[in-house]
Amino acid sequence: MKKYQSWILLFFIFLIFYCVQNFGQTPKSTPKDSKKDRQDEMEVTKFADAFLESFIKTQDLKKISSSFFDKDFTNRFANSGDCMLLNDKIKNYSQEELYKTNTIFHNFVNLLTITIVRNFDKEKHKDSDSDNLYLKFLPLKILSKIKKSKWLKNIILEDGEEPKDHNEIQEFIKEMSAISDEMRLYLAHHPIINSPNFQKLKKENFKYYPADFCEKDSCFGLPEKTPIFAVHELLMCLRIAKINGQLKVVQIYSVACES
């Protein structure tokens, strides 16, 4: 990954621990009924929390129950064009390849976040040490594998390379997948769901944003003026809409890549 990309990723992981209040965009228009707002927030937050718990349990977006997703989610997600992926080099990939690549990327960055959250110790960390999160709080086995990676070591050492062709991109994807498996193995022996760090994150991190009444491309193929909520869970920004009376995830972006 490019230097600015790895710094963005690190920056947003760092912000998670300090419960930043101002992620996301200001809605263009929101419902006026405050009682309805409160009902919406409770319903959407409960849905998003269930989604997060499902991700932590499965540790793979592909393994989360399809009941969470809108029927067109797979195609949208495949074409989301997240900034941390090599957009100019994968634009000719098939829908299936794009979906697989995007899924592996999101799994990797969110498992990385979970693993660091699991080990984070405020007493060992200072504001000025934000560049040492990986060195301090990743297990040594995982840290060692990232350092040995031709591309992923850029996250920590900033001297990694960017894949230049199809074969190198496939190796890059394999590295993300392999290190994700290492993190899953670690988390199997060091569960996060009941850890104090995780509970503190859920309690203090502001993550719900009132509905935007969508316009044109922001509607994800839904009718214009559909209320679409944004909820941030780890490094995922979930776009959620009520479709046929049921909440569904219609898109997922990486928070680090949001404009």
Protein backbone atom coordinates (compact mmCIF):
# COMPACT_ATOMS: atom_id res chain seq x y z
CA MET A 1 0.00 0.00 0.00
CA LYS A 2 1.12 3.55 -0.64
CA LYS A 3 2.53 5.58 2.26
CA TYR A 4 -0.46 7.88 2.54
CA GLN A 5 -2.80 4.90 2.51
CA SER A 6 -1.08 3.12 5.38
CA TRP A 7 -0.91 6.37 7.36
CA ILE A 8 -4.64 6.92 6.83
CA LEU A 9 -5.33 3.39 8.07
CA LEU A 10 -3.15 3.90 11.14
CA PHE A 11 -4.68 7.30 11.81
CA PHE A 12 -8.22 5.96 11.89
CA ILE A 13 -7.26 2.98 14.03
CA PHE A 14 -5.68 5.46 16.44
CA LEU A 15 -8.82 7.60 16.52
CA ILE A 16 -10.98 4.64 17.49
CA PHE A 17 -9.33 4.48 20.90
CA TYR A 18 -10.14 8.11 21.64
CA CYS A 19 -13.82 7.83 20.72
CA VAL A 20 -13.84 10.53 18.07
CA GLN A 21 -17.19 12.27 17.72
CA ASN A 22 -17.04 13.73 14.21
CA PHE A 23 -16.71 10.89 11.71
CA GLY A 24 -18.88 11.03 8.63
CA GLN A 25 -20.68 13.68 6.67
CA THR A 26 -23.33 16.09 7.87
CA PRO A 27 -26.71 14.93 6.56
CA LYS A 28 -28.23 17.14 3.89
CA SER A 29 -31.72 16.64 5.30
CA THR A 30 -32.99 14.64 8.23
CA PRO A 31 -36.37 13.63 9.65
CA LYS A 32 -37.89 16.34 11.88
CA ASP A 33 -39.79 14.12 14.32
CA SER A 34 -37.49 13.84 17.35
CA LYS A 35 -39.47 10.88 18.73
CA LYS A 36 -39.09 9.11 15.41
CA ASP A 37 -35.38 10.04 15.41
CA ARG A 38 -34.95 8.31 18.76
CA GLN A 39 -36.84 5.26 17.55
CA ASP A 40 -34.76 5.16 14.37
CA GLU A 41 -31.52 5.46 16.34
CA MET A 42 -32.46 2.62 18.68
CA GLU A 43 -33.53 0.36 15.83
CA VAL A 44 -30.60 1.11 13.53
CA THR A 45 -28.02 0.93 16.32
CA LYS A 46 -29.40 -2.44 17.48
CA PHE A 47 -29.22 -3.73 13.91
CA ALA A 48 -25.66 -2.43 13.42
CA ASP A 49 -24.51 -3.89 16.75
CA ALA A 50 -25.91 -7.27 15.71
CA PHE A 51 -24.01 -6.95 12.42
CA LEU A 52 -20.76 -6.15 14.26
CA GLU A 53 -21.22 -9.08 16.64
CA SER A 54 -21.80 -11.33 13.64
CA PHE A 55 -18.58 -10.08 12.03
CA ILE A 56 -16.62 -10.66 15.24
CA LYS A 57 -18.08 -14.17 15.46
CA THR A 58 -17.52 -15.13 11.81
CA GLN A 59 -14.53 -12.81 11.19
CA ASP A 60 -15.43 -12.84 7.51
CA LEU A 61 -17.91 -10.63 5.67
CA LYS A 62 -18.75 -13.52 3.35
CA LYS A 63 -19.85 -15.65 6.30
CA ILE A 64 -22.26 -13.13 7.80
CA SER A 65 -25.89 -14.14 7.32
CA SER A 66 -27.35 -12.91 4.04
CA SER A 67 -30.37 -11.68 6.03
CA PHE A 68 -28.33 -8.60 6.99
CA PHE A 69 -27.84 -7.53 3.37
CA ASP A 70 -29.95 -6.03 0.63
CA LYS A 71 -30.28 -8.36 -2.37
CA ASP A 72 -28.06 -6.10 -4.51
CA PHE A 73 -25.35 -5.67 -1.89
CA THR A 74 -22.82 -8.02 -3.52
CA ASN A 75 -22.75 -6.08 -6.80
CA ARG A 76 -22.56 -2.71 -5.03
CA PHE A 77 -19.78 -3.88 -2.74
CA ALA A 78 -17.80 -5.30 -5.65
CA ASN A 79 -17.92 -1.90 -7.34
CA SER A 80 -17.45 0.31 -4.29
CA GLY A 81 -13.96 1.31 -5.42
CA ASP A 82 -12.45 1.60 -1.94
CA CYS A 83 -9.43 3.89 -2.05
CA MET A 84 -7.08 1.42 -0.38
CA LEU A 85 -7.48 -1.08 -3.20
CA LEU A 86 -5.53 -0.72 -6.41
CA ASN A 87 -8.43 0.69 -8.37
CA ASP A 88 -6.54 1.46 -11.56
CA LYS A 89 -5.07 -2.06 -11.65
CA ILE A 90 -8.18 -4.09 -10.83
CA LYS A 91 -10.75 -2.22 -12.91
CA ASN A 92 -10.80 -5.04 -15.47
CA TYR A 93 -11.49 -7.72 -12.88
CA SER A 94 -14.74 -9.63 -13.02
CA GLN A 95 -17.51 -8.85 -10.53
CA GLU A 96 -16.61 -12.04 -8.67
CA GLU A 97 -12.92 -11.07 -8.45
CA LEU A 98 -13.73 -7.53 -7.34
CA TYR A 99 -16.08 -8.80 -4.62
CA LYS A 100 -13.48 -11.29 -3.39
CA THR A 101 -10.70 -8.68 -3.36
CA ASN A 102 -12.80 -6.07 -1.58
CA THR A 103 -13.94 -8.65 0.99
CA ILE A 104 -10.38 -9.78 1.75
CA PHE A 105 -9.29 -6.16 2.14
CA HIS A 106 -12.13 -5.29 4.54
CA ASN A 107 -11.60 -8.49 6.52
CA PHE A 108 -7.89 -7.69 6.83
CA VAL A 109 -8.15 -4.07 8.02
CA ASN A 110 -10.96 -4.85 10.46
CA LEU A 111 -9.24 -7.93 11.90
CA LEU A 112 -6.12 -5.79 12.27
CA THR A 113 -8.17 -3.25 14.21
CA ILE A 114 -9.79 -5.91 16.39
CA THR A 115 -6.42 -7.45 17.21
CA ILE A 116 -4.94 -4.09 18.22
CA VAL A 117 -8.06 -3.20 20.24
CA ARG A 118 -7.73 -6.57 22.03
CA ASN A 119 -4.19 -5.73 23.17
CA PHE A 120 -4.40 -1.97 23.58
CA ASP A 121 -3.05 -0.68 26.89
CA LYS A 122 -3.52 3.03 27.51
CA GLU A 123 -0.75 3.05 30.11
CA LYS A 124 1.75 1.92 27.47
CA HIS A 125 0.58 4.44 24.94
CA LYS A 126 1.06 8.18 24.59
CA ASP A 127 -0.53 10.58 22.11
CA SER A 128 2.87 11.08 20.51
CA ASP A 129 3.26 7.34 19.99
CA SER A 130 0.47 6.86 17.45
CA ASP A 131 3.00 5.54 14.93
CA ASN A 132 3.86 2.66 17.30
CA LEU A 133 0.42 1.07 17.63
CA TYR A 134 1.39 -1.87 15.43
CA LEU A 135 4.77 -2.34 17.10
CA LYS A 136 3.28 -2.19 20.58
CA PHE A 137 0.01 -4.04 20.30
CA LEU A 138 0.22 -6.60 17.50
CA PRO A 139 1.25 -10.11 18.56
CA LEU A 140 4.91 -10.74 17.64
CA LYS A 141 4.08 -13.61 15.29
CA ILE A 142 1.68 -11.46 13.26
CA LEU A 143 3.96 -8.43 13.38
CA SER A 144 6.85 -10.55 12.09
CA LYS A 145 4.81 -11.84 9.15
CA ILE A 146 3.73 -8.31 8.18
CA LYS A 147 7.34 -7.09 8.36
CA LYS A 148 8.38 -9.90 6.00
CA SER A 149 5.65 -9.09 3.49
CA LYS A 150 6.81 -7.45 0.30
CA TRP A 151 3.83 -5.08 0.34
CA LEU A 152 2.14 -5.11 3.74
CA LYS A 153 5.28 -4.10 5.63
CA ASN A 154 4.56 -0.58 4.40
CA ILE A 155 1.93 -0.42 7.16
CA ILE A 156 4.71 -0.44 9.74
CA LEU A 157 8.01 0.35 8.05
CA GLU A 158 6.79 2.53 5.16
CA ASP A 159 9.19 0.87 2.76
CA GLY A 160 6.89 -1.65 1.15
CA GLU A 161 6.14 -1.83 -2.54
CA GLU A 162 2.92 -1.55 -4.50
CA PRO A 163 1.89 -4.49 -6.68
CA LYS A 164 2.45 -3.65 -10.34
CA ASP A 165 0.69 -6.40 -12.30
CA HIS A 166 -1.90 -9.14 -12.01
CA ASN A 167 0.47 -11.74 -10.53
CA GLU A 168 1.77 -9.33 -7.89
CA ILE A 169 -1.77 -8.25 -7.00
CA GLN A 170 -2.69 -11.90 -6.49
CA GLU A 171 0.31 -12.31 -4.17
CA PHE A 172 -0.72 -9.14 -2.31
CA ILE A 173 -4.24 -10.54 -1.85
CA LYS A 174 -2.80 -13.87 -0.66
CA GLU A 175 -0.67 -12.05 1.91
CA MET A 176 -3.69 -10.19 3.29
CA SER A 177 -5.66 -13.43 3.40
CA ALA A 178 -2.85 -15.40 5.08
CA ILE A 179 -2.24 -12.76 7.76
CA SER A 180 -6.01 -12.53 8.31
CA ASP A 181 -5.97 -16.26 9.04
CA GLU A 182 -3.17 -15.70 11.56
CA MET A 183 -5.24 -13.02 13.28
CA ARG A 184 -8.28 -15.32 13.35
CA LEU A 185 -6.16 -18.01 15.00
CA TYR A 186 -4.90 -15.51 17.56
CA LEU A 187 -8.41 -14.20 18.28
CA ALA A 188 -9.70 -17.75 18.72
CA HIS A 189 -7.41 -18.01 21.75
CA HIS A 190 -7.82 -14.37 22.82
CA PRO A 191 -11.54 -13.53 22.38
CA ILE A 192 -12.42 -9.86 22.14
CA ILE A 193 -16.19 -9.81 22.57
CA ASN A 194 -16.05 -9.53 26.39
CA SER A 195 -12.74 -7.72 26.67
CA PRO A 196 -12.76 -4.37 28.54
CA ASN A 197 -11.28 -2.58 25.51
CA PHE A 198 -14.06 -3.76 23.23
CA GLN A 199 -16.79 -2.90 25.71
CA LYS A 200 -15.27 0.56 26.20
CA LEU A 201 -15.14 1.07 22.44
CA LYS A 202 -18.82 0.15 22.04
CA LYS A 203 -19.88 2.31 24.98
CA GLU A 204 -17.98 5.49 24.14
CA ASN A 205 -17.41 5.59 20.40
CA PHE A 206 -20.12 7.75 18.76
CA LYS A 207 -21.10 5.98 15.59
CA TYR A 208 -24.71 6.68 14.57
CA TYR A 209 -25.66 9.36 12.06
CA PRO A 210 -29.28 10.39 11.36
CA ALA A 211 -30.70 9.47 8.00
CA ASP A 212 -29.83 11.30 4.81
CA PHE A 213 -32.68 11.51 2.34
CA CYS A 214 -30.66 10.18 -0.57
CA GLU A 215 -30.29 11.80 -3.97
CA LYS A 216 -29.33 10.22 -7.32
CA ASP A 217 -26.16 8.11 -7.04
CA SER A 218 -26.22 8.23 -3.23
CA CYS A 219 -29.40 6.13 -3.32
CA PHE A 220 -27.58 2.91 -4.31
CA GLY A 221 -30.34 2.12 -6.79
CA LEU A 222 -33.11 2.72 -4.26
CA PRO A 223 -35.86 5.32 -4.85
CA GLU A 224 -34.80 8.94 -4.35
CA LYS A 225 -35.46 10.39 -0.89
CA THR A 226 -35.02 6.98 0.72
CA PRO A 227 -33.68 7.55 4.27
CA ILE A 228 -30.19 6.02 4.47
CA PHE A 229 -28.36 5.80 7.77
CA ALA A 230 -24.60 5.69 8.35
CA VAL A 231 -23.17 3.72 11.26
CA HIS A 232 -19.46 3.22 11.88
CA GLU A 233 -18.34 -0.12 13.26
CA LEU A 234 -14.55 -0.60 13.50
CA LEU A 235 -13.25 0.64 10.11
CA MET A 236 -16.53 -0.16 8.36
CA CYS A 237 -19.01 2.54 7.51
CA LEU A 238 -22.31 0.75 7.07
CA ARG A 239 -24.95 2.34 4.87
CA ILE A 240 -28.29 1.04 6.11
CA ALA A 241 -31.79 1.48 4.68
CA LYS A 242 -35.23 0.10 5.51
CA ILE A 243 -36.40 -1.99 2.57
CA ASN A 244 -39.87 -3.55 2.62
CA GLY A 245 -40.05 -2.81 6.32
CA GLN A 246 -36.71 -4.44 7.17
CA LEU A 247 -33.31 -2.84 7.82
CA LYS A 248 -30.63 -3.94 5.38
CA VAL A 249 -26.99 -3.11 4.75
CA VAL A 250 -26.92 -1.60 1.26
CA GLN A 251 -23.20 -0.72 1.13
CA ILE A 252 -20.01 -0.85 3.20
CA TYR A 253 -17.14 1.59 2.86
CA SER A 254 -13.86 1.75 4.69
CA VAL A 255 -14.00 4.67 7.13
CA ALA A 256 -10.38 5.46 6.31
CA CYS A 257 -11.39 6.01 2.69
CA GLU A 258 -14.52 8.09 3.18
CA SER A 259 -14.58 11.57 1.71
